[in-house]
């Protein structure tokens, strides 16, 4: 029941913060016909830092915030197996770093276990 509540909370956060839908179109060169298009839909949060903070609070020891920041799946597995680096130390420090950083881009796709090093 608790997992369902967390999922509903994350869904509510995503809906209430408002995600924008961006559509990129790429031309596919199929038999020289440039009239065919492939649509790629992406979702971007209006407040990515706030979403990252909320996910860190809710799913920090399991590494949910690291998935949001597009790391390799092995990083959240390590977080889950060690419960956030033992006693939840890594998610607490991650929360502080995410809260006080101005730009999250340096932490996106960061595949280190300790993202701020």
Protein backbone atom coordinates (compact mmCIF):
# COMPACT_ATOMS: atom_id res chain seq x y z
CA UNK A 1 0.00 0.00 0.00
CA UNK A 2 2.87 2.37 0.77
CA UNK A 3 4.40 1.97 -2.72
CA UNK A 4 1.04 2.82 -4.28
CA UNK A 5 0.91 6.00 -2.20
CA UNK A 6 4.39 7.03 -3.37
CA UNK A 7 3.44 6.39 -7.00
CA UNK A 8 0.27 8.47 -6.61
CA UNK A 9 2.28 11.24 -4.94
CA UNK A 10 4.79 11.31 -7.81
CA UNK A 11 1.95 11.34 -10.35
CA UNK A 12 0.31 14.24 -8.51
CA UNK A 13 3.61 16.14 -8.41
CA UNK A 14 4.14 15.61 -12.14
CA UNK A 15 0.63 16.80 -12.97
CA UNK A 16 0.57 19.72 -10.55
CA UNK A 17 4.00 21.06 -11.52
CA UNK A 18 3.01 20.82 -15.14
CA UNK A 19 5.09 19.06 -17.71
CA UNK A 20 5.56 20.56 -21.12
CA UNK A 21 5.38 18.34 -24.15
CA UNK A 22 8.04 19.04 -26.74
CA UNK A 23 7.95 17.51 -30.18
CA UNK A 24 11.09 17.21 -32.28
CA UNK A 25 10.75 16.12 -35.87
CA UNK A 26 13.55 14.42 -37.77
CA UNK A 27 13.65 13.71 -41.46
CA UNK A 28 14.15 10.06 -42.25
CA UNK A 29 16.05 9.43 -45.49
CA UNK A 30 14.03 6.48 -46.78
CA UNK A 31 14.58 5.95 -50.49
CA UNK A 32 15.37 9.62 -50.94
CA UNK A 33 11.87 10.62 -49.85
CA UNK A 34 12.24 13.52 -47.43
CA UNK A 35 8.51 13.87 -46.82
CA UNK A 36 8.46 11.17 -44.15
CA UNK A 37 8.90 12.37 -40.60
CA UNK A 38 9.52 10.62 -37.31
CA UNK A 39 8.16 12.32 -34.22
CA UNK A 40 10.04 12.09 -30.97
CA UNK A 41 8.06 13.20 -27.94
CA UNK A 42 9.87 14.30 -24.81
CA UNK A 43 8.61 15.61 -21.48
CA UNK A 44 10.40 18.35 -19.61
CA UNK A 45 9.45 19.59 -16.15
CA UNK A 46 8.84 23.29 -15.67
CA UNK A 47 10.56 23.05 -12.27
CA UNK A 48 13.13 20.22 -12.60
CA UNK A 49 14.94 21.16 -9.39
CA UNK A 50 11.75 20.94 -7.32
CA UNK A 51 10.86 17.59 -8.90
CA UNK A 52 14.37 16.30 -8.11
CA UNK A 53 14.06 17.44 -4.49
CA UNK A 54 10.66 15.78 -4.05
CA UNK A 55 11.86 12.53 -5.61
CA UNK A 56 14.97 12.62 -3.41
CA UNK A 57 12.82 12.99 -0.30
CA UNK A 58 10.37 10.26 -1.36
CA UNK A 59 12.72 7.72 -2.97
CA UNK A 60 16.21 8.84 -1.96
CA UNK A 61 17.44 5.60 -0.34
CA UNK A 62 16.32 3.71 -3.44
CA UNK A 63 18.04 6.12 -5.84
CA UNK A 64 14.88 7.40 -7.53
CA UNK A 65 16.34 10.86 -7.94
CA UNK A 66 19.33 9.41 -9.77
CA UNK A 67 16.98 7.81 -12.32
CA UNK A 68 15.32 11.20 -12.74
CA UNK A 69 18.77 12.64 -13.44
CA UNK A 70 19.33 9.97 -16.16
CA UNK A 71 22.10 7.89 -14.64
CA UNK A 72 22.80 4.29 -15.55
CA UNK A 73 20.48 1.81 -13.78
CA UNK A 74 23.39 0.37 -11.78
CA UNK A 75 23.59 3.53 -9.65
CA UNK A 76 20.08 3.22 -8.15
CA UNK A 77 20.69 -0.50 -7.66
CA UNK A 78 23.74 0.34 -5.53
CA UNK A 79 21.67 2.92 -3.62
CA UNK A 80 18.94 0.34 -2.97
CA UNK A 81 21.34 -2.41 -1.90
CA UNK A 82 23.16 -0.12 0.55
CA UNK A 83 20.02 1.84 1.56
CA UNK A 84 21.52 5.06 0.33
CA UNK A 85 25.11 4.45 1.23
CA UNK A 86 24.36 3.18 4.73
CA UNK A 87 21.94 4.99 7.04
CA UNK A 88 20.71 7.08 4.11
CA UNK A 89 23.78 9.32 4.06
CA UNK A 90 24.10 9.67 0.28
CA UNK A 91 20.50 10.81 -0.34
CA UNK A 92 20.76 13.40 2.43
CA UNK A 93 23.90 14.86 0.89
CA UNK A 94 22.35 14.57 -2.59
CA UNK A 95 19.33 16.51 -1.32
CA UNK A 96 21.56 19.30 -0.01
CA UNK A 97 23.56 19.42 -3.25
CA UNK A 98 20.44 19.43 -5.45
CA UNK A 99 18.78 22.10 -3.30
CA UNK A 100 21.69 24.53 -3.32
CA UNK A 101 23.01 24.07 -6.87
CA UNK A 102 21.94 26.54 -9.52
CA UNK A 103 22.12 24.20 -12.50
CA UNK A 104 21.31 20.48 -12.44
CA UNK A 105 22.98 19.86 -15.82
CA UNK A 106 26.32 18.95 -14.25
CA UNK A 107 24.58 16.14 -12.34
CA UNK A 108 22.59 14.81 -15.30
CA UNK A 109 23.92 11.60 -16.84
CA UNK A 110 26.54 11.45 -14.08
CA UNK A 111 27.24 7.74 -13.66
CA UNK A 112 29.36 8.03 -10.53
CA UNK A 113 27.91 6.50 -7.37
CA UNK A 114 28.70 9.71 -5.48
CA UNK A 115 27.49 12.35 -7.92
CA UNK A 116 29.15 15.43 -6.42
CA UNK A 117 32.70 14.08 -6.61
